[in-house]
Amino acid sequence: MKLPCELVEVRSSNLKAVGWHEGVLYVRFHSGRTWSYMEVPEEKYKAMLAAKSVGKLFASQIRLFHEAVMIEEDAEGDSHAKDSEAVRE
């Protein structure tokens, strides 16, 4: 399965790209890892795209306040949620 949305590249020292679909925010970090953040209002996603500092808004309004699941991509580029607990970016 591919991600349900296209990711938009952002200007940030930590975040590479973001996308939003039906209440889920997808964040790809410069490390290459992609995380999904649950129950994120579309307004927060739009605010991220417009923010002067995407990373600061992410850290202050999303990272610690929304459940997160790491997404793994296989060799074919298909994505799936990782079952084990992992340290957040």
N, C-alpha and C. Protein backbone atom coordinates (compact mmCIF):
# COMPACT_ATOMS: atom_id res chain seq x y z
N MET A 1 0.84 -1.18 0.00
CA MET A 1 0.00 0.00 0.00
C MET A 1 0.88 1.24 0.00
N LYS A 2 0.56 2.19 -0.81
CA LYS A 2 1.24 3.48 -0.85
C LYS A 2 0.59 4.40 0.18
N LEU A 3 1.29 5.45 0.55
CA LEU A 3 0.67 6.45 1.42
C LEU A 3 -0.57 7.00 0.72
N PRO A 4 -1.60 7.33 1.45
CA PRO A 4 -2.85 7.78 0.84
C PRO A 4 -2.82 9.23 0.34
N CYS A 5 -1.67 9.88 0.43
CA CYS A 5 -1.56 11.26 -0.02
C CYS A 5 -0.14 11.52 -0.50
N GLU A 6 -0.02 12.56 -1.28
CA GLU A 6 1.30 13.02 -1.70
C GLU A 6 1.91 13.83 -0.56
N LEU A 7 3.22 13.71 -0.39
CA LEU A 7 3.91 14.51 0.61
C LEU A 7 4.47 15.76 -0.06
N VAL A 8 4.36 16.87 0.65
CA VAL A 8 4.84 18.16 0.17
C VAL A 8 6.15 18.46 0.88
N GLU A 9 7.20 18.75 0.11
CA GLU A 9 8.48 19.09 0.74
C GLU A 9 8.36 20.40 1.50
N VAL A 10 9.00 20.43 2.68
CA VAL A 10 8.98 21.63 3.52
C VAL A 10 10.41 22.04 3.82
N ARG A 11 10.55 23.28 4.23
CA ARG A 11 11.86 23.82 4.59
C ARG A 11 12.03 23.67 6.09
N SER A 12 12.86 22.71 6.49
CA SER A 12 13.06 22.43 7.90
C SER A 12 14.37 21.66 8.07
N SER A 13 15.03 21.85 9.19
CA SER A 13 16.27 21.11 9.43
C SER A 13 16.00 19.66 9.85
N ASN A 14 14.76 19.35 10.26
CA ASN A 14 14.42 18.01 10.74
C ASN A 14 13.39 17.31 9.85
N LEU A 15 12.38 18.05 9.41
CA LEU A 15 11.31 17.49 8.59
C LEU A 15 11.63 17.69 7.11
N LYS A 16 11.40 16.64 6.33
CA LYS A 16 11.64 16.72 4.89
C LYS A 16 10.36 17.01 4.12
N ALA A 17 9.26 16.32 4.48
CA ALA A 17 8.01 16.48 3.74
C ALA A 17 6.84 16.10 4.65
N VAL A 18 5.66 16.65 4.33
CA VAL A 18 4.46 16.37 5.11
C VAL A 18 3.28 16.17 4.16
N GLY A 19 2.29 15.44 4.66
CA GLY A 19 1.04 15.26 3.92
C GLY A 19 -0.07 15.00 4.92
N TRP A 20 -1.31 15.16 4.47
CA TRP A 20 -2.45 14.98 5.37
C TRP A 20 -3.56 14.28 4.60
N HIS A 21 -4.22 13.32 5.27
CA HIS A 21 -5.35 12.62 4.66
C HIS A 21 -6.28 12.12 5.74
N GLU A 22 -7.52 12.60 5.71
CA GLU A 22 -8.58 12.14 6.61
C GLU A 22 -8.15 12.07 8.08
N GLY A 23 -7.56 13.16 8.57
CA GLY A 23 -7.21 13.25 9.98
C GLY A 23 -5.86 12.70 10.36
N VAL A 24 -5.11 12.18 9.39
CA VAL A 24 -3.79 11.64 9.67
C VAL A 24 -2.74 12.51 9.00
N LEU A 25 -1.78 12.97 9.79
CA LEU A 25 -0.66 13.75 9.28
C LEU A 25 0.51 12.80 9.05
N TYR A 26 1.08 12.84 7.86
CA TYR A 26 2.24 12.02 7.52
C TYR A 26 3.46 12.94 7.48
N VAL A 27 4.51 12.54 8.18
CA VAL A 27 5.73 13.35 8.25
C VAL A 27 6.91 12.47 7.88
N ARG A 28 7.66 12.90 6.87
CA ARG A 28 8.91 12.23 6.51
C ARG A 28 10.05 13.11 7.01
N PHE A 29 10.94 12.50 7.77
CA PHE A 29 12.08 13.22 8.34
C PHE A 29 13.28 13.08 7.41
N HIS A 30 14.27 13.93 7.62
CA HIS A 30 15.49 13.84 6.82
C HIS A 30 16.21 12.51 7.03
N SER A 31 15.93 11.83 8.12
CA SER A 31 16.52 10.51 8.37
C SER A 31 15.98 9.46 7.39
N GLY A 32 14.86 9.80 6.72
CA GLY A 32 14.23 8.86 5.80
C GLY A 32 13.03 8.16 6.40
N ARG A 33 12.86 8.26 7.71
CA ARG A 33 11.72 7.62 8.36
C ARG A 33 10.45 8.45 8.14
N THR A 34 9.33 7.74 8.04
CA THR A 34 8.04 8.39 7.90
C THR A 34 7.16 7.96 9.06
N TRP A 35 6.50 8.93 9.67
CA TRP A 35 5.60 8.69 10.79
C TRP A 35 4.21 9.20 10.43
N SER A 36 3.20 8.54 10.98
CA SER A 36 1.84 9.05 10.87
C SER A 36 1.39 9.51 12.25
N TYR A 37 0.74 10.65 12.30
CA TYR A 37 0.24 11.24 13.55
C TYR A 37 -1.29 11.29 13.45
N MET A 38 -1.94 10.65 14.40
CA MET A 38 -3.39 10.45 14.36
C MET A 38 -4.17 11.67 14.87
N GLU A 39 -5.38 11.82 14.32
CA GLU A 39 -6.35 12.83 14.75
C GLU A 39 -5.78 14.25 14.72
N VAL A 40 -5.09 14.57 13.65
CA VAL A 40 -4.56 15.92 13.46
C VAL A 40 -5.56 16.70 12.60
N PRO A 41 -6.10 17.80 13.10
CA PRO A 41 -7.03 18.58 12.30
C PRO A 41 -6.36 19.14 11.05
N GLU A 42 -7.12 19.26 9.99
CA GLU A 42 -6.58 19.80 8.74
C GLU A 42 -6.02 21.21 8.94
N GLU A 43 -6.61 21.96 9.87
CA GLU A 43 -6.13 23.32 10.14
C GLU A 43 -4.68 23.32 10.62
N LYS A 44 -4.30 22.30 11.42
CA LYS A 44 -2.90 22.22 11.89
C LYS A 44 -1.97 21.91 10.73
N TYR A 45 -2.42 21.05 9.82
CA TYR A 45 -1.61 20.74 8.63
C TYR A 45 -1.40 22.01 7.80
N LYS A 46 -2.47 22.74 7.56
CA LYS A 46 -2.37 23.98 6.78
C LYS A 46 -1.49 25.00 7.48
N ALA A 47 -1.57 25.05 8.81
CA ALA A 47 -0.72 25.96 9.58
C ALA A 47 0.74 25.57 9.43
N MET A 48 1.03 24.26 9.38
CA MET A 48 2.41 23.81 9.17
C MET A 48 2.95 24.31 7.84
N LEU A 49 2.13 24.18 6.79
CA LEU A 49 2.57 24.60 5.46
C LEU A 49 2.83 26.10 5.39
N ALA A 50 2.11 26.87 6.20
CA ALA A 50 2.24 28.33 6.18
C ALA A 50 3.23 28.85 7.22
N ALA A 51 3.68 27.99 8.12
CA ALA A 51 4.51 28.44 9.25
C ALA A 51 5.89 28.92 8.81
N LYS A 52 6.37 29.91 9.52
CA LYS A 52 7.74 30.39 9.31
C LYS A 52 8.73 29.30 9.72
N SER A 53 8.41 28.58 10.79
CA SER A 53 9.24 27.46 11.25
C SER A 53 8.36 26.22 11.37
N VAL A 54 8.43 25.36 10.36
CA VAL A 54 7.63 24.14 10.34
C VAL A 54 8.00 23.24 11.53
N GLY A 55 9.28 23.12 11.81
CA GLY A 55 9.75 22.27 12.89
C GLY A 55 9.26 22.71 14.26
N LYS A 56 9.27 24.01 14.49
CA LYS A 56 8.80 24.52 15.78
C LYS A 56 7.31 24.28 15.96
N LEU A 57 6.54 24.49 14.91
CA LEU A 57 5.10 24.24 15.01
C LEU A 57 4.85 22.75 15.23
N PHE A 58 5.57 21.91 14.52
CA PHE A 58 5.43 20.46 14.69
C PHE A 58 5.74 20.06 16.13
N ALA A 59 6.84 20.57 16.66
CA ALA A 59 7.26 20.21 18.02
C ALA A 59 6.29 20.74 19.07
N SER A 60 5.76 21.92 18.87
CA SER A 60 4.93 22.54 19.91
C SER A 60 3.45 22.15 19.84
N GLN A 61 2.97 21.69 18.67
CA GLN A 61 1.54 21.43 18.55
C GLN A 61 1.18 20.01 18.12
N ILE A 62 2.15 19.24 17.66
CA ILE A 62 1.80 17.93 17.11
C ILE A 62 2.57 16.78 17.75
N ARG A 63 3.86 16.85 17.75
CA ARG A 63 4.72 15.72 18.13
C ARG A 63 4.33 15.04 19.43
N LEU A 64 4.13 15.79 20.47
CA LEU A 64 3.84 15.20 21.78
C LEU A 64 2.34 15.08 22.08
N PHE A 65 1.51 15.57 21.18
CA PHE A 65 0.08 15.64 21.46
C PHE A 65 -0.77 14.69 20.63
N HIS A 66 -0.17 13.99 19.69
CA HIS A 66 -0.92 13.08 18.82
C HIS A 66 -0.22 11.73 18.78
N GLU A 67 -1.03 10.68 18.85
CA GLU A 67 -0.49 9.32 18.76
C GLU A 67 0.28 9.18 17.44
N ALA A 68 1.43 8.53 17.51
CA ALA A 68 2.29 8.39 16.33
C ALA A 68 2.61 6.93 16.06
N VAL A 69 2.67 6.60 14.77
CA VAL A 69 3.03 5.25 14.33
C VAL A 69 4.07 5.40 13.23
N MET A 70 5.18 4.66 13.36
CA MET A 70 6.20 4.71 12.32
C MET A 70 5.75 3.88 11.13
N ILE A 71 5.94 4.41 9.94
CA ILE A 71 5.60 3.73 8.70
C ILE A 71 6.89 3.20 8.09
N GLU A 72 6.87 1.94 7.68
CA GLU A 72 8.02 1.36 7.00
C GLU A 72 7.68 1.16 5.54
N GLU A 73 8.65 1.41 4.67
CA GLU A 73 8.46 1.17 3.25
C GLU A 73 9.33 0.00 2.84
N ASP A 74 8.74 -0.91 2.06
CA ASP A 74 9.54 -2.05 1.59
C ASP A 74 10.24 -1.68 0.29
N ALA A 75 10.95 -2.63 -0.29
CA ALA A 75 11.75 -2.40 -1.48
C ALA A 75 10.92 -1.89 -2.66
N GLU A 76 9.64 -2.25 -2.71
CA GLU A 76 8.77 -1.81 -3.80
C GLU A 76 8.16 -0.43 -3.54
N GLY A 77 8.47 0.16 -2.38
CA GLY A 77 7.92 1.47 -2.03
C GLY A 77 6.56 1.41 -1.37
N ASP A 78 6.10 0.19 -1.06
CA ASP A 78 4.84 0.05 -0.35
C ASP A 78 5.04 0.35 1.13
N SER A 79 4.04 0.91 1.76
CA SER A 79 4.14 1.34 3.15
C SER A 79 3.28 0.49 4.06
N HIS A 80 3.75 0.30 5.29
CA HIS A 80 2.95 -0.37 6.32
C HIS A 80 3.41 0.12 7.69
N ALA A 81 2.49 0.08 8.63
CA ALA A 81 2.81 0.53 9.99
C ALA A 81 3.71 -0.49 10.68
N LYS A 82 4.67 -0.01 11.42
CA LYS A 82 5.56 -0.88 12.17
C LYS A 82 4.87 -1.27 13.47
N ASP A 83 4.93 -2.56 13.81
CA ASP A 83 4.25 -3.04 15.00
C ASP A 83 4.96 -2.69 16.29
N SER A 84 6.26 -2.67 16.30
CA SER A 84 6.99 -2.45 17.53
C SER A 84 7.05 -0.98 17.91
N GLU A 85 7.26 -0.74 19.21
CA GLU A 85 7.42 0.63 19.69
C GLU A 85 8.79 1.15 19.24
N ALA A 86 8.84 2.39 18.85
CA ALA A 86 10.10 2.99 18.42
C ALA A 86 10.18 4.39 19.00
N VAL A 87 11.37 4.89 19.13
CA VAL A 87 11.58 6.24 19.63
C VAL A 87 11.15 7.22 18.54
N ARG A 88 10.39 8.22 18.93
CA ARG A 88 9.96 9.23 17.96
C ARG A 88 11.12 10.08 17.54
N GLU A 89 11.06 10.57 16.31
CA GLU A 89 12.10 11.45 15.76
C GLU A 89 12.22 12.69 16.60
